C-alpha atoms as a PDB file:
ATOM      1  CA  PRO A   1      22.973  12.274  -2.308  1.00  0.00           C
ATOM      2  CA  SER A   2      21.251  14.485  -4.570  1.00  0.00           C
ATOM      3  CA  THR A   3      17.387  14.676  -4.844  1.00  0.00           C
ATOM      4  CA  ARG A   4      17.463  12.958  -8.191  1.00  0.00           C
ATOM      5  CA  MET A   5      19.544  10.066  -6.736  1.00  0.00           C
ATOM      6  CA  ASN A   6      17.164   9.828  -3.780  1.00  0.00           C
ATOM      7  CA  LYS A   7      14.228   9.529  -6.222  1.00  0.00           C
ATOM      8  CA  LEU A   8      16.000   6.768  -8.245  1.00  0.00           C
ATOM      9  CA  LEU A   9      16.946   4.874  -5.059  1.00  0.00           C
ATOM     10  CA  ASP A  10      13.282   5.197  -3.846  1.00  0.00           C
ATOM     11  CA  SER A  11      12.013   3.854  -7.104  1.00  0.00           C
ATOM     12  CA  GLN A  12      14.481   0.967  -7.032  1.00  0.00           C
ATOM     13  CA  LEU A  13      13.587   0.095  -3.443  1.00  0.00           C
ATOM     14  CA  LEU A  14       9.804   0.188  -4.076  1.00  0.00           C
ATOM     15  CA  ALA A  15      10.483  -2.085  -7.349  1.00  0.00           C
ATOM     16  CA  ALA A  16      12.340  -4.470  -5.300  1.00  0.00           C
ATOM     17  CA  LEU A  17       9.660  -4.741  -2.417  1.00  0.00           C
ATOM     18  CA  GLN A  18       6.830  -5.467  -4.970  1.00  0.00           C
ATOM     19  CA  ASP A  19       7.652  -9.222  -4.997  1.00  0.00           C
ATOM     20  CA  SER A  20       7.902  -9.430  -1.180  1.00  0.00           C
ATOM     21  CA  PRO A  21       5.766 -11.725   0.696  1.00  0.00           C
ATOM     22  CA  VAL A  22       5.544  -9.100   3.469  1.00  0.00           C
ATOM     23  CA  GLY A  23       2.748  -6.733   2.887  1.00  0.00           C
ATOM     24  CA  TRP A  24       3.585  -2.993   2.883  1.00  0.00           C
ATOM     25  CA  GLY A  25       1.508   0.027   2.059  1.00  0.00           C
ATOM     26  CA  LEU A  26       2.380   3.682   1.628  1.00  0.00           C
ATOM     27  CA  PHE A  27      -0.022   6.350   2.856  1.00  0.00           C
ATOM     28  CA  ASP A  28      -0.033  10.069   2.299  1.00  0.00           C
ATOM     29  CA  PRO A  29      -0.479  12.671   5.116  1.00  0.00           C
ATOM     30  CA  GLN A  30      -4.308  12.385   4.622  1.00  0.00           C
ATOM     31  CA  GLU A  31      -4.169   8.636   5.378  1.00  0.00           C
ATOM     32  CA  ARG A  32      -4.957   7.589   1.769  1.00  0.00           C
ATOM     33  CA  LEU A  33      -3.309   4.585   0.360  1.00  0.00           C
ATOM     34  CA  VAL A  34      -1.031   5.696  -2.499  1.00  0.00           C
ATOM     35  CA  SER A  35       1.022   2.488  -3.249  1.00  0.00           C
ATOM     36  CA  ALA A  36       1.063  -1.035  -1.836  1.00  0.00           C
ATOM     37  CA  ASN A  37       2.363  -4.441  -2.867  1.00  0.00           C
ATOM     38  CA  PRO A  38       0.308  -7.497  -3.727  1.00  0.00           C
ATOM     39  CA  ALA A  39       0.670  -9.152  -0.336  1.00  0.00           C
ATOM     40  CA  PHE A  40      -0.796  -5.982   1.287  1.00  0.00           C
ATOM     41  CA  LEU A  41      -3.663  -5.709  -1.121  1.00  0.00           C
ATOM     42  CA  GLU A  42      -4.590  -9.357  -0.529  1.00  0.00           C
ATOM     43  CA  ALA A  43      -4.328  -9.023   3.284  1.00  0.00           C
ATOM     44  CA  PHE A  44      -6.760  -6.106   3.227  1.00  0.00           C
ATOM     45  CA  ALA A  45      -8.952  -7.653   0.473  1.00  0.00           C
ATOM     46  CA  THR A  46      -8.465  -4.279  -1.703  1.00  0.00           C
ATOM     47  CA  THR A  47      -7.138  -2.911  -4.951  1.00  0.00           C
ATOM     48  CA  LEU A  48      -5.475   0.257  -5.767  1.00  0.00           C
ATOM     49  CA  ASP A  49      -8.458   1.588  -7.600  1.00  0.00           C
ATOM     50  CA  GLY A  50      -8.458   5.051  -6.505  1.00  0.00           C
ATOM     51  CA  THR A  51      -6.611   6.078  -3.101  1.00  0.00           C
ATOM     52  CA  PRO A  52      -8.761   4.501  -0.307  1.00  0.00           C
ATOM     53  CA  SER A  53      -8.217   5.748   3.210  1.00  0.00           C
ATOM     54  CA  TRP A  54      -7.245   3.714   6.077  1.00  0.00           C
ATOM     55  CA  GLU A  55     -10.806   4.094   7.557  1.00  0.00           C
ATOM     56  CA  ALA A  56     -12.300   2.932   4.304  1.00  0.00           C
ATOM     57  CA  LEU A  57      -9.888  -0.127   4.252  1.00  0.00           C
ATOM     58  CA  MET A  58     -11.087  -1.048   7.723  1.00  0.00           C
ATOM     59  CA  ARG A  59     -14.740  -0.485   7.045  1.00  0.00           C
ATOM     60  CA  ARG A  60     -14.534  -2.605   3.820  1.00  0.00           C
ATOM     61  CA  CYS A  61     -12.774  -5.419   5.792  1.00  0.00           C
ATOM     62  CA  HIS A  62     -15.422  -5.330   8.427  1.00  0.00           C
ATOM     63  CA  ALA A  63     -18.354  -5.214   5.947  1.00  0.00           C
ATOM     64  CA  THR A  64     -17.193  -8.029   3.725  1.00  0.00           C
ATOM     65  CA  LYS A  65     -15.687 -10.102   6.521  1.00  0.00           C
ATOM     66  CA  GLN A  66     -12.371 -10.309   4.467  1.00  0.00           C
ATOM     67  CA  GLY A  67      -8.898  -9.187   5.038  1.00  0.00           C
ATOM     68  CA  LEU A  68      -7.736  -7.853   8.366  1.00  0.00           C
ATOM     69  CA  LYS A  69      -9.934  -9.078  11.202  1.00  0.00           C
END
């Protein structure tokens, strides 16, 4: 399929996954969180304010004793 079709399918897939009870997060090549569904954000006790790195997520979970343990 064309690139435009791929982008459309990607956006439709992400929209469908938003309500999933299974958490998912997409990270860029620099390991910064760029997209996630509510289940992921809740599991890691975070929000999408900015683009936190994986390391920052783990440090926050440890410091606050919330999220992934």
